Amino acid sequence: MLETALHTGAEHPDLWWVVVPSFLAFLAGLVLGSRADSIDAWSERRNGTDDTR
């Protein structure tokens, strides 16, 4: 039971196919989250709606 709980999958041969896309998705989330206000303002200008909060 303890071996199952401690299993990380580090010996899995295709681990990079999981780690790399996960890390890139994490970075994309950070970038989009930090740019959310500017993206929202850009979309409002593009649609012609100016919703000031």
PDB file of N, CA and C in Angstrom:
ATOM      1  N   MET A   1       0.822  -1.203   0.000  1.00  0.00           N
ATOM      2  CA  MET A   1       0.000   0.000   0.000  1.00  0.00           C
ATOM      3  C   MET A   1       0.866   1.266   0.000  1.00  0.00           C
ATOM      4  N   LEU A   2       1.908   1.259   0.833  1.00  0.00           N
ATOM      5  CA  LEU A   2       2.777   2.427   0.905  1.00  0.00           C
ATOM      6  C   LEU A   2       3.540   2.640  -0.396  1.00  0.00           C
ATOM      7  N   GLU A   3       3.915   1.525  -1.065  1.00  0.00           N
ATOM      8  CA  GLU A   3       4.621   1.663  -2.332  1.00  0.00           C
ATOM      9  C   GLU A   3       3.750   2.367  -3.379  1.00  0.00           C
ATOM     10  N   THR A   4       2.459   2.095  -3.353  1.00  0.00           N
ATOM     11  CA  THR A   4       1.544   2.742  -4.288  1.00  0.00           C
ATOM     12  C   THR A   4       1.426   4.232  -3.992  1.00  0.00           C
ATOM     13  N   ALA A   5       1.384   4.577  -2.721  1.00  0.00           N
ATOM     14  CA  ALA A   5       1.266   5.989  -2.346  1.00  0.00           C
ATOM     15  C   ALA A   5       2.528   6.762  -2.679  1.00  0.00           C
ATOM     16  N   LEU A   6       3.683   6.102  -2.612  1.00  0.00           N
ATOM     17  CA  LEU A   6       4.956   6.772  -2.887  1.00  0.00           C
ATOM     18  C   LEU A   6       5.354   6.732  -4.358  1.00  0.00           C
ATOM     19  N   HIS A   7       4.600   6.029  -5.183  1.00  0.00           N
ATOM     20  CA  HIS A   7       4.939   5.884  -6.594  1.00  0.00           C
ATOM     21  C   HIS A   7       4.770   7.222  -7.315  1.00  0.00           C
ATOM     22  N   THR A   8       5.841   7.701  -7.951  1.00  0.00           N
ATOM     23  CA  THR A   8       5.790   8.970  -8.676  1.00  0.00           C
ATOM     24  C   THR A   8       5.760   8.783 -10.178  1.00  0.00           C
ATOM     25  N   GLY A   9       6.044   7.592 -10.647  1.00  0.00           N
ATOM     26  CA  GLY A   9       6.076   7.365 -12.087  1.00  0.00           C
ATOM     27  C   GLY A   9       7.369   7.811 -12.727  1.00  0.00           C
ATOM     28  N   ALA A  10       8.390   8.094 -11.939  1.00  0.00           N
ATOM     29  CA  ALA A  10       9.655   8.601 -12.468  1.00  0.00           C
ATOM     30  C   ALA A  10      10.348   7.587 -13.373  1.00  0.00           C
ATOM     31  N   GLU A  11      10.062   6.313 -13.207  1.00  0.00           N
ATOM     32  CA  GLU A  11      10.704   5.319 -14.062  1.00  0.00           C
ATOM     33  C   GLU A  11       9.914   5.078 -15.345  1.00  0.00           C
ATOM     34  N   HIS A  12       8.841   5.772 -15.539  1.00  0.00           N
ATOM     35  CA  HIS A  12       8.020   5.597 -16.737  1.00  0.00           C
ATOM     36  C   HIS A  12       8.782   6.133 -17.947  1.00  0.00           C
ATOM     37  N   PRO A  13       8.911   5.374 -19.025  1.00  0.00           N
ATOM     38  CA  PRO A  13       9.723   5.812 -20.161  1.00  0.00           C
ATOM     39  C   PRO A  13       9.155   7.011 -20.916  1.00  0.00           C
ATOM     40  N   ASP A  14       7.863   7.199 -20.882  1.00  0.00           N
ATOM     41  CA  ASP A  14       7.264   8.324 -21.613  1.00  0.00           C
ATOM     42  C   ASP A  14       6.872   9.464 -20.688  1.00  0.00           C
ATOM     43  N   LEU A  15       7.599   9.614 -19.595  1.00  0.00           N
ATOM     44  CA  LEU A  15       7.276  10.657 -18.626  1.00  0.00           C
ATOM     45  C   LEU A  15       7.387  12.052 -19.229  1.00  0.00           C
ATOM     46  N   TRP A  16       8.331  12.251 -20.147  1.00  0.00           N
ATOM     47  CA  TRP A  16       8.501  13.567 -20.757  1.00  0.00           C
ATOM     48  C   TRP A  16       7.276  13.990 -21.568  1.00  0.00           C
ATOM     49  N   TRP A  17       6.527  13.024 -22.111  1.00  0.00           N
ATOM     50  CA  TRP A  17       5.314  13.345 -22.867  1.00  0.00           C
ATOM     51  C   TRP A  17       4.217  13.880 -21.952  1.00  0.00           C
ATOM     52  N   VAL A  18       4.364  13.698 -20.662  1.00  0.00           N
ATOM     53  CA  VAL A  18       3.412  14.215 -19.689  1.00  0.00           C
ATOM     54  C   VAL A  18       3.937  15.496 -19.052  1.00  0.00           C
ATOM     55  N   VAL A  19       5.220  15.501 -18.704  1.00  0.00           N
ATOM     56  CA  VAL A  19       5.805  16.625 -17.969  1.00  0.00           C
ATOM     57  C   VAL A  19       5.906  17.882 -18.829  1.00  0.00           C
ATOM     58  N   VAL A  20       6.418  17.759 -20.032  1.00  0.00           N
ATOM     59  CA  VAL A  20       6.647  18.939 -20.876  1.00  0.00           C
ATOM     60  C   VAL A  20       5.339  19.643 -21.250  1.00  0.00           C
ATOM     61  N   PRO A  21       4.314  18.955 -21.758  1.00  0.00           N
ATOM     62  CA  PRO A  21       3.054  19.662 -22.048  1.00  0.00           C
ATOM     63  C   PRO A  21       2.390  20.240 -20.795  1.00  0.00           C
ATOM     64  N   SER A  22       2.527  19.545 -19.680  1.00  0.00           N
ATOM     65  CA  SER A  22       1.949  20.073 -18.445  1.00  0.00           C
ATOM     66  C   SER A  22       2.640  21.362 -18.037  1.00  0.00           C
ATOM     67  N   PHE A  23       3.956  21.399 -18.136  1.00  0.00           N
ATOM     68  CA  PHE A  23       4.704  22.605 -17.792  1.00  0.00           C
ATOM     69  C   PHE A  23       4.375  23.746 -18.750  1.00  0.00           C
ATOM     70  N   LEU A  24       4.257  23.446 -20.035  1.00  0.00           N
ATOM     71  CA  LEU A  24       3.910  24.487 -21.005  1.00  0.00           C
ATOM     72  C   LEU A  24       2.495  25.017 -20.771  1.00  0.00           C
ATOM     73  N   ALA A  25       1.574  24.140 -20.409  1.00  0.00           N
ATOM     74  CA  ALA A  25       0.213  24.588 -20.095  1.00  0.00           C
ATOM     75  C   ALA A  25       0.204  25.454 -18.843  1.00  0.00           C
ATOM     76  N   PHE A  26       1.019  25.111 -17.874  1.00  0.00           N
ATOM     77  CA  PHE A  26       1.137  25.920 -16.666  1.00  0.00           C
ATOM     78  C   PHE A  26       1.665  27.314 -17.000  1.00  0.00           C
ATOM     79  N   LEU A  27       2.714  27.382 -17.830  1.00  0.00           N
ATOM     80  CA  LEU A  27       3.257  28.679 -18.230  1.00  0.00           C
ATOM     81  C   LEU A  27       2.249  29.494 -19.027  1.00  0.00           C
ATOM     82  N   ALA A  28       1.501  28.842 -19.909  1.00  0.00           N
ATOM     83  CA  ALA A  28       0.477  29.551 -20.681  1.00  0.00           C
ATOM     84  C   ALA A  28      -0.595  30.113 -19.747  1.00  0.00           C
ATOM     85  N   GLY A  29      -0.962  29.371 -18.734  1.00  0.00           N
ATOM     86  CA  GLY A  29      -1.929  29.862 -17.755  1.00  0.00           C
ATOM     87  C   GLY A  29      -1.409  31.063 -16.991  1.00  0.00           C
ATOM     88  N   LEU A  30      -0.130  31.049 -16.627  1.00  0.00           N
ATOM     89  CA  LEU A  30       0.455  32.199 -15.944  1.00  0.00           C
ATOM     90  C   LEU A  30       0.455  33.440 -16.841  1.00  0.00           C
ATOM     91  N   VAL A  31       0.817  33.247 -18.102  1.00  0.00           N
ATOM     92  CA  VAL A  31       0.863  34.385 -19.034  1.00  0.00           C
ATOM     93  C   VAL A  31      -0.538  34.940 -19.262  1.00  0.00           C
ATOM     94  N   LEU A  32      -1.497  34.074 -19.516  1.00  0.00           N
ATOM     95  CA  LEU A  32      -2.864  34.543 -19.748  1.00  0.00           C
ATOM     96  C   LEU A  32      -3.452  35.184 -18.501  1.00  0.00           C
ATOM     97  N   GLY A  33      -3.138  34.639 -17.350  1.00  0.00           N
ATOM     98  CA  GLY A  33      -3.628  35.220 -16.104  1.00  0.00           C
ATOM     99  C   GLY A  33      -3.040  36.590 -15.841  1.00  0.00           C
ATOM    100  N   SER A  34      -1.772  36.772 -16.174  1.00  0.00           N
ATOM    101  CA  SER A  34      -1.147  38.073 -15.938  1.00  0.00           C
ATOM    102  C   SER A  34      -1.586  39.102 -16.977  1.00  0.00           C
ATOM    103  N   ARG A  35      -2.030  38.649 -18.124  1.00  0.00           N
ATOM    104  CA  ARG A  35      -2.473  39.556 -19.195  1.00  0.00           C
ATOM    105  C   ARG A  35      -3.995  39.653 -19.307  1.00  0.00           C
ATOM    106  N   ALA A  36      -4.730  39.136 -18.343  1.00  0.00           N
ATOM    107  CA  ALA A  36      -6.191  39.068 -18.447  1.00  0.00           C
ATOM    108  C   ALA A  36      -6.825  40.445 -18.595  1.00  0.00           C
ATOM    109  N   ASP A  37      -6.352  41.431 -17.839  1.00  0.00           N
ATOM    110  CA  ASP A  37      -6.948  42.765 -17.920  1.00  0.00           C
ATOM    111  C   ASP A  37      -6.702  43.407 -19.281  1.00  0.00           C
ATOM    112  N   SER A  38      -5.501  43.253 -19.812  1.00  0.00           N
ATOM    113  CA  SER A  38      -5.229  43.861 -21.120  1.00  0.00           C
ATOM    114  C   SER A  38      -5.979  43.132 -22.233  1.00  0.00           C
ATOM    115  N   ILE A  39      -6.139  41.820 -22.120  1.00  0.00           N
ATOM    116  CA  ILE A  39      -6.913  41.077 -23.115  1.00  0.00           C
ATOM    117  C   ILE A  39      -8.377  41.483 -23.048  1.00  0.00           C
ATOM    118  N   ASP A  40      -8.899  41.666 -21.850  1.00  0.00           N
ATOM    119  CA  ASP A  40     -10.287  42.095 -21.677  1.00  0.00           C
ATOM    120  C   ASP A  40     -10.498  43.493 -22.264  1.00  0.00           C
ATOM    121  N   ALA A  41      -9.567  44.398 -22.000  1.00  0.00           N
ATOM    122  CA  ALA A  41      -9.681  45.750 -22.550  1.00  0.00           C
ATOM    123  C   ALA A  41      -9.587  45.731 -24.070  1.00  0.00           C
ATOM    124  N   TRP A  42      -8.712  44.892 -24.618  1.00  0.00           N
ATOM    125  CA  TRP A  42      -8.577  44.794 -26.063  1.00  0.00           C
ATOM    126  C   TRP A  42      -9.871  44.285 -26.697  1.00  0.00           C
ATOM    127  N   SER A  43     -10.487  43.264 -26.079  1.00  0.00           N
ATOM    128  CA  SER A  43     -11.713  42.715 -26.641  1.00  0.00           C
ATOM    129  C   SER A  43     -12.868  43.708 -26.542  1.00  0.00           C
ATOM    130  N   GLU A  44     -12.896  44.507 -25.488  1.00  0.00           N
ATOM    131  CA  GLU A  44     -13.949  45.518 -25.369  1.00  0.00           C
ATOM    132  C   GLU A  44     -13.773  46.610 -26.421  1.00  0.00           C
ATOM    133  N   ARG A  45     -12.535  47.021 -26.669  1.00  0.00           N
ATOM    134  CA  ARG A  45     -12.292  48.029 -27.712  1.00  0.00           C
ATOM    135  C   ARG A  45     -12.649  47.464 -29.081  1.00  0.00           C
ATOM    136  N   ARG A  46     -12.344  46.198 -29.305  1.00  0.00           N
ATOM    137  CA  ARG A  46     -12.612  45.576 -30.605  1.00  0.00           C
ATOM    138  C   ARG A  46     -14.118  45.432 -30.844  1.00  0.00           C
ATOM    139  N   ASN A  47     -14.876  45.153 -29.790  1.00  0.00           N
ATOM    140  CA  ASN A  47     -16.322  44.977 -29.926  1.00  0.00           C
ATOM    141  C   ASN A  47     -17.078  46.292 -29.821  1.00  0.00           C
ATOM    142  N   GLY A  48     -16.372  47.352 -29.490  1.00  0.00           N
ATOM    143  CA  GLY A  48     -17.022  48.642 -29.390  1.00  0.00           C
ATOM    144  C   GLY A  48     -17.773  48.854 -28.079  1.00  0.00           C
ATOM    145  N   THR A  49     -17.544  48.025 -27.107  1.00  0.00           N
ATOM    146  CA  THR A  49     -18.177  48.194 -25.799  1.00  0.00           C
ATOM    147  C   THR A  49     -17.118  48.650 -24.808  1.00  0.00           C
ATOM    148  N   ASP A  50     -17.435  49.657 -24.059  1.00  0.00           N
ATOM    149  CA  ASP A  50     -16.505  50.161 -23.070  1.00  0.00           C
ATOM    150  C   ASP A  50     -17.165  50.042 -21.697  1.00  0.00           C
ATOM    151  N   ASP A  51     -16.912  48.954 -21.040  1.00  0.00           N
ATOM    152  CA  ASP A  51     -17.505  48.676 -19.727  1.00  0.00           C
ATOM    153  C   ASP A  51     -16.482  48.989 -18.653  1.00  0.00           C
ATOM    154  N   THR A  52     -16.483  50.207 -18.173  1.00  0.00           N
ATOM    155  CA  THR A  52     -15.548  50.565 -17.109  1.00  0.00           C
ATOM    156  C   THR A  52     -16.109  50.113 -15.797  1.00  0.00           C
ATOM    157  N   ARG A  53     -15.252  49.546 -14.978  1.00  0.00           N
ATOM    158  CA  ARG A  53     -15.711  48.989 -13.706  1.00  0.00           C
ATOM    159  C   ARG A  53     -15.416  49.907 -12.573  1.00  0.00           C
TER     160      ARG A  53
END
